[in-house]
């Protein structure tokens, strides 16, 4: 099932937006954990796609600087 709430992916640690991944019941305690989709066939985002987007993001140290 698709995730209704966002959270950190337990496979790669990156953010999973609501509706773009899956959730499963935790085995080690109460609650649920989320993960990215396995394939992009169903319109989801895979861990590899999320890593590529995160790598292109502006580093926080350079976010406030003016372009040269």
N, C-alpha and C. Protein backbone atom coordinates (compact mmCIF):
# COMPACT_ATOMS: atom_id res chain seq x y z
N UNK A 1 0.83 -1.18 0.00
CA UNK A 1 0.00 0.00 0.00
C UNK A 1 0.87 1.24 0.00
N UNK A 2 0.35 2.27 -0.63
CA UNK A 2 1.07 3.54 -0.66
C UNK A 2 1.07 4.18 0.73
N UNK A 3 2.09 4.97 0.98
CA UNK A 3 2.19 5.63 2.27
C UNK A 3 1.30 6.87 2.30
N UNK A 4 0.56 7.02 3.38
CA UNK A 4 -0.31 8.19 3.55
C UNK A 4 0.48 9.34 4.18
N UNK A 5 1.50 9.03 4.92
CA UNK A 5 2.32 10.03 5.59
C UNK A 5 3.76 9.93 5.09
N UNK A 6 4.47 11.04 5.14
CA UNK A 6 5.86 11.06 4.74
C UNK A 6 6.77 10.55 5.85
N UNK A 7 8.01 10.31 5.51
CA UNK A 7 8.98 9.87 6.50
C UNK A 7 10.31 9.54 5.84
N UNK A 8 11.28 9.16 6.63
CA UNK A 8 12.60 8.80 6.12
C UNK A 8 12.58 7.34 5.64
N UNK A 9 13.13 7.11 4.46
CA UNK A 9 13.21 5.76 3.91
C UNK A 9 14.16 4.92 4.76
N UNK A 10 13.73 3.73 5.14
CA UNK A 10 14.59 2.91 5.98
C UNK A 10 15.69 2.24 5.16
N UNK A 11 15.66 2.32 3.85
CA UNK A 11 16.71 1.74 3.01
C UNK A 11 17.83 2.74 2.72
N UNK A 12 17.46 3.97 2.33
CA UNK A 12 18.48 4.95 1.96
C UNK A 12 18.56 6.15 2.90
N UNK A 13 17.54 6.38 3.74
CA UNK A 13 17.56 7.47 4.70
C UNK A 13 17.04 8.79 4.16
N UNK A 14 16.68 8.86 2.88
CA UNK A 14 16.17 10.10 2.30
C UNK A 14 14.66 10.20 2.52
N UNK A 15 14.13 11.41 2.36
CA UNK A 15 12.72 11.68 2.61
C UNK A 15 11.83 11.00 1.56
N UNK A 16 10.73 10.40 2.00
CA UNK A 16 9.71 9.81 1.14
C UNK A 16 8.46 10.65 1.31
N UNK A 17 8.03 11.32 0.24
CA UNK A 17 6.84 12.16 0.30
C UNK A 17 5.59 11.28 0.36
N UNK A 18 4.51 11.78 0.95
CA UNK A 18 3.27 11.00 1.01
C UNK A 18 2.79 10.59 -0.38
N UNK A 19 2.43 9.32 -0.53
CA UNK A 19 1.90 8.80 -1.79
C UNK A 19 2.93 8.38 -2.80
N UNK A 20 4.22 8.52 -2.51
CA UNK A 20 5.24 8.16 -3.49
C UNK A 20 6.00 6.89 -3.13
N UNK A 21 5.72 6.29 -2.00
CA UNK A 21 6.41 5.08 -1.58
C UNK A 21 5.44 4.10 -0.95
N UNK A 22 5.97 3.23 -0.13
CA UNK A 22 5.16 2.21 0.53
C UNK A 22 5.48 2.19 2.01
N UNK A 23 4.56 1.64 2.79
CA UNK A 23 4.80 1.50 4.21
C UNK A 23 4.65 0.04 4.60
N UNK A 24 5.26 -0.31 5.71
CA UNK A 24 5.10 -1.67 6.25
C UNK A 24 5.17 -1.60 7.76
N UNK A 25 4.56 -2.56 8.40
CA UNK A 25 4.56 -2.64 9.86
C UNK A 25 5.96 -2.95 10.35
N UNK A 26 6.38 -2.24 11.38
CA UNK A 26 7.71 -2.49 11.96
C UNK A 26 7.73 -3.85 12.63
N UNK A 27 8.80 -4.57 12.47
CA UNK A 27 8.95 -5.88 13.12
C UNK A 27 9.57 -5.75 14.50
N UNK A 28 10.32 -4.66 14.70
CA UNK A 28 11.05 -4.51 15.95
C UNK A 28 10.33 -3.64 16.98
N UNK A 29 9.11 -3.19 16.67
CA UNK A 29 8.39 -2.36 17.63
C UNK A 29 7.09 -1.85 17.05
N UNK A 30 6.42 -0.98 17.78
CA UNK A 30 5.14 -0.46 17.30
C UNK A 30 5.33 0.56 16.17
N UNK A 31 4.31 0.72 15.35
CA UNK A 31 4.34 1.73 14.30
C UNK A 31 4.67 1.15 12.94
N UNK A 32 4.95 2.06 12.01
CA UNK A 32 5.21 1.68 10.64
C UNK A 32 6.50 2.33 10.16
N UNK A 33 7.07 1.81 9.08
CA UNK A 33 8.23 2.42 8.45
C UNK A 33 7.94 2.55 6.96
N UNK A 34 8.57 3.53 6.31
CA UNK A 34 8.31 3.80 4.90
C UNK A 34 9.55 3.54 4.07
N UNK A 35 9.33 3.32 2.79
CA UNK A 35 10.42 3.11 1.85
C UNK A 35 10.02 3.65 0.49
N UNK A 36 11.02 3.90 -0.36
CA UNK A 36 10.75 4.30 -1.73
C UNK A 36 10.23 3.10 -2.53
N UNK A 37 9.70 3.37 -3.71
CA UNK A 37 9.21 2.29 -4.58
C UNK A 37 10.38 1.46 -5.09
N UNK A 38 10.08 0.22 -5.47
CA UNK A 38 11.10 -0.65 -6.05
C UNK A 38 11.38 -0.27 -7.50
N UNK A 39 10.33 0.04 -8.25
CA UNK A 39 10.47 0.45 -9.66
C UNK A 39 9.64 1.70 -9.89
N UNK A 40 9.93 2.40 -10.96
CA UNK A 40 9.20 3.62 -11.28
C UNK A 40 7.98 3.35 -12.15
N UNK A 41 7.63 2.10 -12.36
CA UNK A 41 6.52 1.74 -13.23
C UNK A 41 5.19 2.30 -12.76
N UNK A 42 4.96 2.36 -11.49
CA UNK A 42 3.67 2.81 -10.94
C UNK A 42 3.68 4.28 -10.55
N UNK A 43 4.61 5.04 -11.07
CA UNK A 43 4.64 6.47 -10.80
C UNK A 43 5.34 6.86 -9.52
N UNK A 44 6.01 5.93 -8.88
CA UNK A 44 6.72 6.23 -7.65
C UNK A 44 8.15 6.66 -7.90
N UNK A 45 8.82 7.00 -6.84
CA UNK A 45 10.21 7.42 -6.89
C UNK A 45 11.05 6.34 -6.24
N UNK A 46 12.08 5.87 -6.92
CA UNK A 46 12.96 4.85 -6.37
C UNK A 46 14.06 5.51 -5.53
N UNK A 47 14.79 4.72 -4.76
CA UNK A 47 15.90 5.25 -3.96
C UNK A 47 16.96 5.89 -4.86
N UNK A 48 17.23 5.27 -6.01
CA UNK A 48 18.23 5.82 -6.94
C UNK A 48 17.80 7.18 -7.47
N UNK A 49 16.51 7.32 -7.80
CA UNK A 49 16.00 8.61 -8.29
C UNK A 49 16.09 9.66 -7.20
N UNK A 50 15.77 9.31 -5.97
CA UNK A 50 15.83 10.26 -4.86
C UNK A 50 17.27 10.70 -4.59
N UNK A 51 18.22 9.77 -4.69
CA UNK A 51 19.64 10.11 -4.49
C UNK A 51 20.12 11.06 -5.58
N UNK A 52 19.69 10.84 -6.84
CA UNK A 52 20.10 11.72 -7.93
C UNK A 52 19.59 13.14 -7.73
N UNK A 53 18.36 13.27 -7.25
CA UNK A 53 17.80 14.60 -6.99
C UNK A 53 18.53 15.25 -5.82
N UNK A 54 18.82 14.48 -4.78
CA UNK A 54 19.51 15.03 -3.61
C UNK A 54 20.94 15.47 -3.97
N UNK A 55 21.59 14.77 -4.88
CA UNK A 55 22.94 15.15 -5.29
C UNK A 55 22.96 16.46 -6.08
N UNK A 56 21.86 16.76 -6.80
CA UNK A 56 21.78 17.98 -7.58
C UNK A 56 21.38 19.19 -6.74
N UNK A 57 20.90 18.96 -5.54
CA UNK A 57 20.44 20.05 -4.68
C UNK A 57 21.60 20.96 -4.27
N UNK A 58 21.27 22.19 -4.00
CA UNK A 58 22.29 23.16 -3.58
C UNK A 58 22.69 22.86 -2.13
N UNK A 59 23.99 22.75 -1.85
CA UNK A 59 24.43 22.54 -0.47
C UNK A 59 23.99 23.69 0.42
N UNK A 60 23.62 23.42 1.68
CA UNK A 60 23.13 24.47 2.58
C UNK A 60 24.10 25.62 2.76
N UNK A 61 25.40 25.36 2.71
CA UNK A 61 26.40 26.42 2.91
C UNK A 61 26.37 27.41 1.75
N UNK A 62 25.96 26.99 0.55
CA UNK A 62 25.96 27.85 -0.61
C UNK A 62 24.57 28.42 -0.92
N UNK A 63 23.58 28.06 -0.16
CA UNK A 63 22.21 28.46 -0.46
C UNK A 63 22.00 29.96 -0.34
N UNK A 64 22.67 30.63 0.59
CA UNK A 64 22.48 32.06 0.81
C UNK A 64 23.40 32.94 -0.01
N UNK A 65 24.35 32.37 -0.73
CA UNK A 65 25.32 33.17 -1.49
C UNK A 65 24.71 33.66 -2.80
N UNK A 66 25.19 34.81 -3.23
CA UNK A 66 24.76 35.37 -4.52
C UNK A 66 25.56 34.71 -5.63
N UNK A 67 24.97 34.50 -6.82
CA UNK A 67 25.73 33.92 -7.92
C UNK A 67 26.84 34.86 -8.36
N UNK A 68 27.94 34.29 -8.80
CA UNK A 68 29.11 35.09 -9.20
C UNK A 68 28.96 35.69 -10.57
